C-alpha cells in the first residue's frame, strides 16, 4: 500500500512515497539546516514505523544542500546500504558540494 508524506517550507519541498519498503524521496529547493531538521524528523518517523529496504533520492530542482542535508542523506544511505540507495538528477551546484565534502566517494552520483 502506497503512503505519501510531505514536508515543505517557503524555499524547500520534499515529497516522500513509501511503497512496500521502498522509499522514494523527491527534493526541490534549498535543503538548508532548518529544512534538513524537518526532513530528518519526517524520515525518522517513517523509518521507525516501517522496514525500509530501498531508498531513492531525486534531487531534481534541488538548488543547495547544507551539511545537515548531507547528514540526512547519509543516514538514509546507512539504513539500507550502498546497493539499495540511489541519488539521481543532481545539478552542478549540488554535485560540487558533494565533491568538496567527499560525499561523491560515498554516494554514486
N, C-alpha and C. Protein backbone atom coordinates (compact mmCIF):
# COMPACT_ATOMS: atom_id res chain seq x y z
N UNK A 1 0.83 -1.17 0.00
CA UNK A 1 0.00 0.00 0.00
C UNK A 1 0.88 1.25 0.00
N UNK A 2 0.63 2.14 -0.91
CA UNK A 2 1.42 3.36 -1.05
C UNK A 2 0.99 4.40 0.00
N UNK A 3 2.01 4.98 0.64
CA UNK A 3 1.77 6.04 1.61
C UNK A 3 2.55 7.28 1.17
N UNK A 4 1.94 8.45 1.27
CA UNK A 4 2.59 9.69 0.85
C UNK A 4 2.81 10.60 2.06
N UNK A 5 3.98 11.24 2.06
CA UNK A 5 4.37 12.16 3.12
C UNK A 5 4.95 13.41 2.48
N UNK A 6 4.89 14.53 3.21
CA UNK A 6 5.43 15.77 2.68
C UNK A 6 5.94 16.65 3.80
N UNK A 7 7.02 17.35 3.52
CA UNK A 7 7.45 18.45 4.39
C UNK A 7 7.89 19.57 3.46
N UNK A 8 7.53 20.78 3.83
CA UNK A 8 7.85 21.90 2.96
C UNK A 8 7.97 23.18 3.75
N UNK A 9 8.63 24.15 3.13
CA UNK A 9 8.74 25.49 3.67
C UNK A 9 8.66 26.44 2.48
N UNK A 10 8.94 27.69 2.72
CA UNK A 10 8.89 28.69 1.65
C UNK A 10 9.84 28.34 0.51
N UNK A 11 11.04 27.81 0.85
CA UNK A 11 12.06 27.57 -0.18
C UNK A 11 12.47 26.11 -0.33
N UNK A 12 11.64 25.17 0.18
CA UNK A 12 12.01 23.75 0.13
C UNK A 12 10.75 22.89 0.08
N UNK A 13 10.86 21.77 -0.63
CA UNK A 13 9.78 20.79 -0.65
C UNK A 13 10.37 19.39 -0.73
N UNK A 14 9.78 18.49 0.04
CA UNK A 14 10.16 17.08 -0.01
C UNK A 14 8.89 16.25 -0.06
N UNK A 15 8.75 15.47 -1.11
CA UNK A 15 7.66 14.50 -1.23
C UNK A 15 8.26 13.12 -1.06
N UNK A 16 7.73 12.37 -0.12
CA UNK A 16 8.21 11.03 0.15
C UNK A 16 7.08 10.05 -0.10
N UNK A 17 7.37 9.00 -0.85
CA UNK A 17 6.38 7.97 -1.13
C UNK A 17 6.96 6.63 -0.68
N UNK A 18 6.23 5.96 0.18
CA UNK A 18 6.62 4.66 0.69
C UNK A 18 5.72 3.60 0.08
N UNK A 19 6.34 2.59 -0.52
CA UNK A 19 5.58 1.52 -1.15
C UNK A 19 6.34 0.21 -0.96
N UNK A 20 5.81 -0.68 -0.13
CA UNK A 20 6.41 -1.99 0.13
C UNK A 20 7.88 -1.90 0.52
N UNK A 21 8.23 -1.01 1.42
CA UNK A 21 9.60 -0.89 1.91
C UNK A 21 10.50 -0.02 1.07
N UNK A 22 10.01 0.40 -0.10
CA UNK A 22 10.78 1.30 -0.97
C UNK A 22 10.36 2.73 -0.69
N UNK A 23 11.32 3.58 -0.36
CA UNK A 23 11.05 4.97 -0.08
C UNK A 23 11.63 5.83 -1.20
N UNK A 24 10.75 6.52 -1.91
CA UNK A 24 11.16 7.46 -2.94
C UNK A 24 11.06 8.87 -2.37
N UNK A 25 12.18 9.59 -2.44
CA UNK A 25 12.26 10.93 -1.87
C UNK A 25 12.53 11.91 -3.00
N UNK A 26 11.65 12.86 -3.20
CA UNK A 26 11.84 13.89 -4.23
C UNK A 26 12.05 15.22 -3.54
N UNK A 27 13.24 15.78 -3.74
CA UNK A 27 13.62 17.04 -3.10
C UNK A 27 13.65 18.17 -4.11
N UNK A 28 13.27 19.36 -3.68
CA UNK A 28 13.44 20.55 -4.52
C UNK A 28 13.62 21.76 -3.62
N UNK A 29 14.35 22.74 -4.13
CA UNK A 29 14.61 23.95 -3.37
C UNK A 29 15.91 23.86 -2.59
N UNK A 30 15.93 24.50 -1.42
CA UNK A 30 17.14 24.59 -0.61
C UNK A 30 17.04 23.67 0.61
N UNK A 31 17.89 22.64 0.64
CA UNK A 31 17.95 21.74 1.79
C UNK A 31 18.97 22.30 2.77
N UNK A 32 18.58 23.38 3.45
CA UNK A 32 19.47 24.04 4.40
C UNK A 32 19.31 23.37 5.77
N UNK A 33 19.96 23.93 6.78
CA UNK A 33 19.96 23.32 8.10
C UNK A 33 18.56 23.19 8.68
N UNK A 34 17.76 24.21 8.57
CA UNK A 34 16.40 24.18 9.12
C UNK A 34 15.55 23.15 8.38
N UNK A 35 15.60 23.17 7.05
CA UNK A 35 14.80 22.21 6.27
C UNK A 35 15.29 20.79 6.46
N UNK A 36 16.59 20.61 6.65
CA UNK A 36 17.14 19.27 6.89
C UNK A 36 16.62 18.70 8.20
N UNK A 37 16.48 19.54 9.21
CA UNK A 37 15.95 19.10 10.50
C UNK A 37 14.52 18.59 10.35
N UNK A 38 13.72 19.29 9.57
CA UNK A 38 12.34 18.88 9.32
C UNK A 38 12.30 17.58 8.53
N UNK A 39 13.14 17.48 7.50
CA UNK A 39 13.21 16.26 6.69
C UNK A 39 13.66 15.08 7.54
N UNK A 40 14.66 15.29 8.39
CA UNK A 40 15.15 14.22 9.25
C UNK A 40 14.05 13.72 10.18
N UNK A 41 13.29 14.62 10.76
CA UNK A 41 12.20 14.21 11.65
C UNK A 41 11.17 13.36 10.91
N UNK A 42 10.83 13.77 9.69
CA UNK A 42 9.87 13.00 8.90
C UNK A 42 10.45 11.64 8.52
N UNK A 43 11.72 11.63 8.09
CA UNK A 43 12.37 10.36 7.73
C UNK A 43 12.39 9.41 8.94
N UNK A 44 12.76 9.91 10.10
CA UNK A 44 12.81 9.06 11.30
C UNK A 44 11.44 8.50 11.65
N UNK A 45 10.42 9.33 11.49
CA UNK A 45 9.05 8.87 11.75
C UNK A 45 8.69 7.71 10.83
N UNK A 46 9.04 7.84 9.56
CA UNK A 46 8.76 6.78 8.58
C UNK A 46 9.59 5.54 8.89
N UNK A 47 10.89 5.73 9.13
CA UNK A 47 11.80 4.60 9.37
C UNK A 47 11.46 3.85 10.66
N UNK A 48 11.01 4.58 11.68
CA UNK A 48 10.65 3.93 12.95
C UNK A 48 9.43 3.04 12.83
N UNK A 49 8.54 3.35 11.90
CA UNK A 49 7.29 2.61 11.77
C UNK A 49 7.29 1.59 10.63
N UNK A 50 8.37 1.59 9.81
CA UNK A 50 8.39 0.74 8.62
C UNK A 50 9.76 0.11 8.44
N UNK A 51 9.79 -1.02 7.79
CA UNK A 51 11.05 -1.66 7.42
C UNK A 51 11.43 -1.19 6.02
N UNK A 52 12.45 -0.35 5.94
CA UNK A 52 12.87 0.19 4.65
C UNK A 52 13.90 -0.73 4.00
N UNK A 53 13.68 -1.05 2.73
CA UNK A 53 14.60 -1.93 2.01
C UNK A 53 15.37 -1.19 0.92
N UNK A 54 14.80 -0.11 0.41
CA UNK A 54 15.42 0.64 -0.67
C UNK A 54 15.02 2.11 -0.54
N UNK A 55 16.00 3.00 -0.79
CA UNK A 55 15.72 4.44 -0.76
C UNK A 55 16.30 5.07 -2.02
N UNK A 56 15.48 5.86 -2.70
CA UNK A 56 15.90 6.59 -3.88
C UNK A 56 15.63 8.07 -3.65
N UNK A 57 16.67 8.90 -3.82
CA UNK A 57 16.54 10.34 -3.62
C UNK A 57 16.67 11.03 -4.97
N UNK A 58 15.65 11.77 -5.35
CA UNK A 58 15.63 12.52 -6.60
C UNK A 58 15.86 13.99 -6.27
N UNK A 59 16.98 14.54 -6.72
CA UNK A 59 17.36 15.92 -6.40
C UNK A 59 17.00 16.90 -7.50
N UNK A 60 16.14 16.49 -8.42
CA UNK A 60 15.73 17.39 -9.50
C UNK A 60 15.10 18.64 -8.90
N UNK A 61 15.66 19.79 -9.17
CA UNK A 61 15.14 21.04 -8.63
C UNK A 61 15.76 21.44 -7.31
N UNK A 62 16.69 20.63 -6.79
CA UNK A 62 17.38 20.98 -5.56
C UNK A 62 18.49 21.96 -5.88
N UNK A 63 18.43 23.13 -5.28
CA UNK A 63 19.38 24.19 -5.57
C UNK A 63 20.60 24.17 -4.67
N UNK A 64 20.44 23.68 -3.44
CA UNK A 64 21.50 23.76 -2.44
C UNK A 64 21.29 22.67 -1.41
N UNK A 65 22.40 22.10 -0.91
CA UNK A 65 22.34 21.13 0.17
C UNK A 65 23.39 21.51 1.21
N UNK A 66 22.95 21.80 2.42
CA UNK A 66 23.85 22.11 3.53
C UNK A 66 24.40 20.81 4.11
N UNK A 67 25.39 20.93 4.97
CA UNK A 67 25.97 19.74 5.59
C UNK A 67 24.92 18.94 6.37
N UNK A 68 23.96 19.63 6.95
CA UNK A 68 22.88 18.93 7.66
C UNK A 68 22.03 18.11 6.70
N UNK A 69 21.85 18.59 5.48
CA UNK A 69 21.13 17.84 4.46
C UNK A 69 21.91 16.61 4.02
N UNK A 70 23.23 16.77 3.88
CA UNK A 70 24.08 15.63 3.54
C UNK A 70 24.02 14.57 4.64
N UNK A 71 23.93 15.02 5.88
CA UNK A 71 23.83 14.09 7.01
C UNK A 71 22.56 13.27 6.91
N UNK A 72 21.45 13.90 6.55
CA UNK A 72 20.18 13.16 6.40
C UNK A 72 20.33 12.10 5.31
N UNK A 73 20.94 12.48 4.18
CA UNK A 73 21.15 11.52 3.10
C UNK A 73 22.06 10.38 3.56
N UNK A 74 23.09 10.70 4.34
CA UNK A 74 23.99 9.67 4.85
C UNK A 74 23.26 8.71 5.78
N UNK A 75 22.37 9.22 6.60
CA UNK A 75 21.58 8.35 7.48
C UNK A 75 20.69 7.41 6.66
N UNK A 76 20.11 7.93 5.59
CA UNK A 76 19.30 7.09 4.70
C UNK A 76 20.17 6.02 4.05
N UNK A 77 21.34 6.43 3.58
CA UNK A 77 22.30 5.53 2.95
C UNK A 77 22.67 4.39 3.90
N UNK A 78 23.02 4.74 5.12
CA UNK A 78 23.43 3.73 6.11
C UNK A 78 22.29 2.79 6.47
N UNK A 79 21.06 3.27 6.41
CA UNK A 79 19.91 2.45 6.78
C UNK A 79 19.69 1.28 5.81
N UNK A 80 19.99 1.50 4.53
CA UNK A 80 19.69 0.46 3.53
C UNK A 80 20.94 -0.07 2.82
N UNK A 81 22.07 0.59 2.96
CA UNK A 81 23.30 0.14 2.32
C UNK A 81 23.46 0.65 0.91
N UNK A 82 24.69 0.59 0.44
CA UNK A 82 25.06 1.15 -0.87
C UNK A 82 24.25 0.56 -2.02
N UNK A 83 24.00 -0.74 -1.98
CA UNK A 83 23.29 -1.42 -3.07
C UNK A 83 21.83 -1.00 -3.17
N UNK A 84 21.29 -0.51 -2.08
CA UNK A 84 19.86 -0.19 -2.03
C UNK A 84 19.58 1.30 -1.87
N UNK A 85 20.59 2.13 -2.14
CA UNK A 85 20.44 3.58 -2.03
C UNK A 85 20.88 4.23 -3.32
N UNK A 86 20.09 5.18 -3.80
CA UNK A 86 20.49 5.89 -5.01
C UNK A 86 20.11 7.36 -4.93
N UNK A 87 20.93 8.18 -5.59
CA UNK A 87 20.65 9.61 -5.75
C UNK A 87 20.68 9.89 -7.24
N UNK A 88 19.71 10.65 -7.72
CA UNK A 88 19.68 10.97 -9.14
C UNK A 88 19.32 12.43 -9.35
N UNK A 89 19.53 12.89 -10.58
CA UNK A 89 19.20 14.25 -11.01
C UNK A 89 19.87 15.33 -10.17
N UNK A 90 21.17 15.17 -9.97
CA UNK A 90 21.94 16.15 -9.21
C UNK A 90 22.48 17.21 -10.17
N UNK A 91 22.21 18.48 -9.85
CA UNK A 91 22.73 19.55 -10.69
C UNK A 91 24.18 19.87 -10.32
N UNK A 92 24.80 20.75 -11.05
CA UNK A 92 26.22 21.05 -10.84
C UNK A 92 26.50 21.67 -9.48
N UNK A 93 25.60 22.51 -8.96
CA UNK A 93 25.81 23.11 -7.64
C UNK A 93 25.85 22.05 -6.55
N UNK A 94 24.90 21.14 -6.57
CA UNK A 94 24.84 20.09 -5.56
C UNK A 94 25.99 19.11 -5.76
N UNK A 95 26.33 18.80 -7.00
CA UNK A 95 27.46 17.92 -7.28
C UNK A 95 28.75 18.50 -6.70
N UNK A 96 28.95 19.81 -6.89
CA UNK A 96 30.15 20.46 -6.38
C UNK A 96 30.21 20.37 -4.85
N UNK A 97 29.08 20.59 -4.18
CA UNK A 97 29.03 20.47 -2.72
C UNK A 97 29.42 19.05 -2.30
N UNK A 98 28.90 18.06 -3.00
CA UNK A 98 29.21 16.66 -2.66
C UNK A 98 30.68 16.34 -2.92
N UNK A 99 31.24 16.90 -3.98
CA UNK A 99 32.65 16.67 -4.29
C UNK A 99 33.56 17.32 -3.25
N UNK A 100 33.27 18.56 -2.88
CA UNK A 100 34.09 19.29 -1.91
C UNK A 100 34.06 18.61 -0.54
N UNK A 101 32.92 18.06 -0.17
CA UNK A 101 32.77 17.42 1.14
C UNK A 101 33.17 15.95 1.12
N UNK A 102 33.45 15.39 -0.04
CA UNK A 102 33.84 14.00 -0.14
C UNK A 102 32.68 13.02 -0.24
N UNK A 103 31.47 13.53 -0.29
CA UNK A 103 30.31 12.64 -0.38
C UNK A 103 30.20 11.95 -1.73
N UNK A 104 30.90 12.47 -2.72
CA UNK A 104 30.91 11.79 -4.02
C UNK A 104 31.63 10.45 -3.93
N UNK A 105 32.45 10.26 -2.90
CA UNK A 105 33.13 8.99 -2.68
C UNK A 105 32.24 8.00 -1.93
N UNK A 106 31.16 8.49 -1.34
CA UNK A 106 30.23 7.64 -0.62
C UNK A 106 29.06 7.26 -1.51
N UNK A 107 28.45 8.27 -2.12
CA UNK A 107 27.28 8.07 -2.97
C UNK A 107 27.70 7.90 -4.42
N UNK A 108 26.96 7.10 -5.16
CA UNK A 108 27.14 7.03 -6.61
C UNK A 108 26.33 8.17 -7.22
N UNK A 109 27.04 9.22 -7.63
CA UNK A 109 26.34 10.38 -8.19
C UNK A 109 26.70 10.56 -9.66
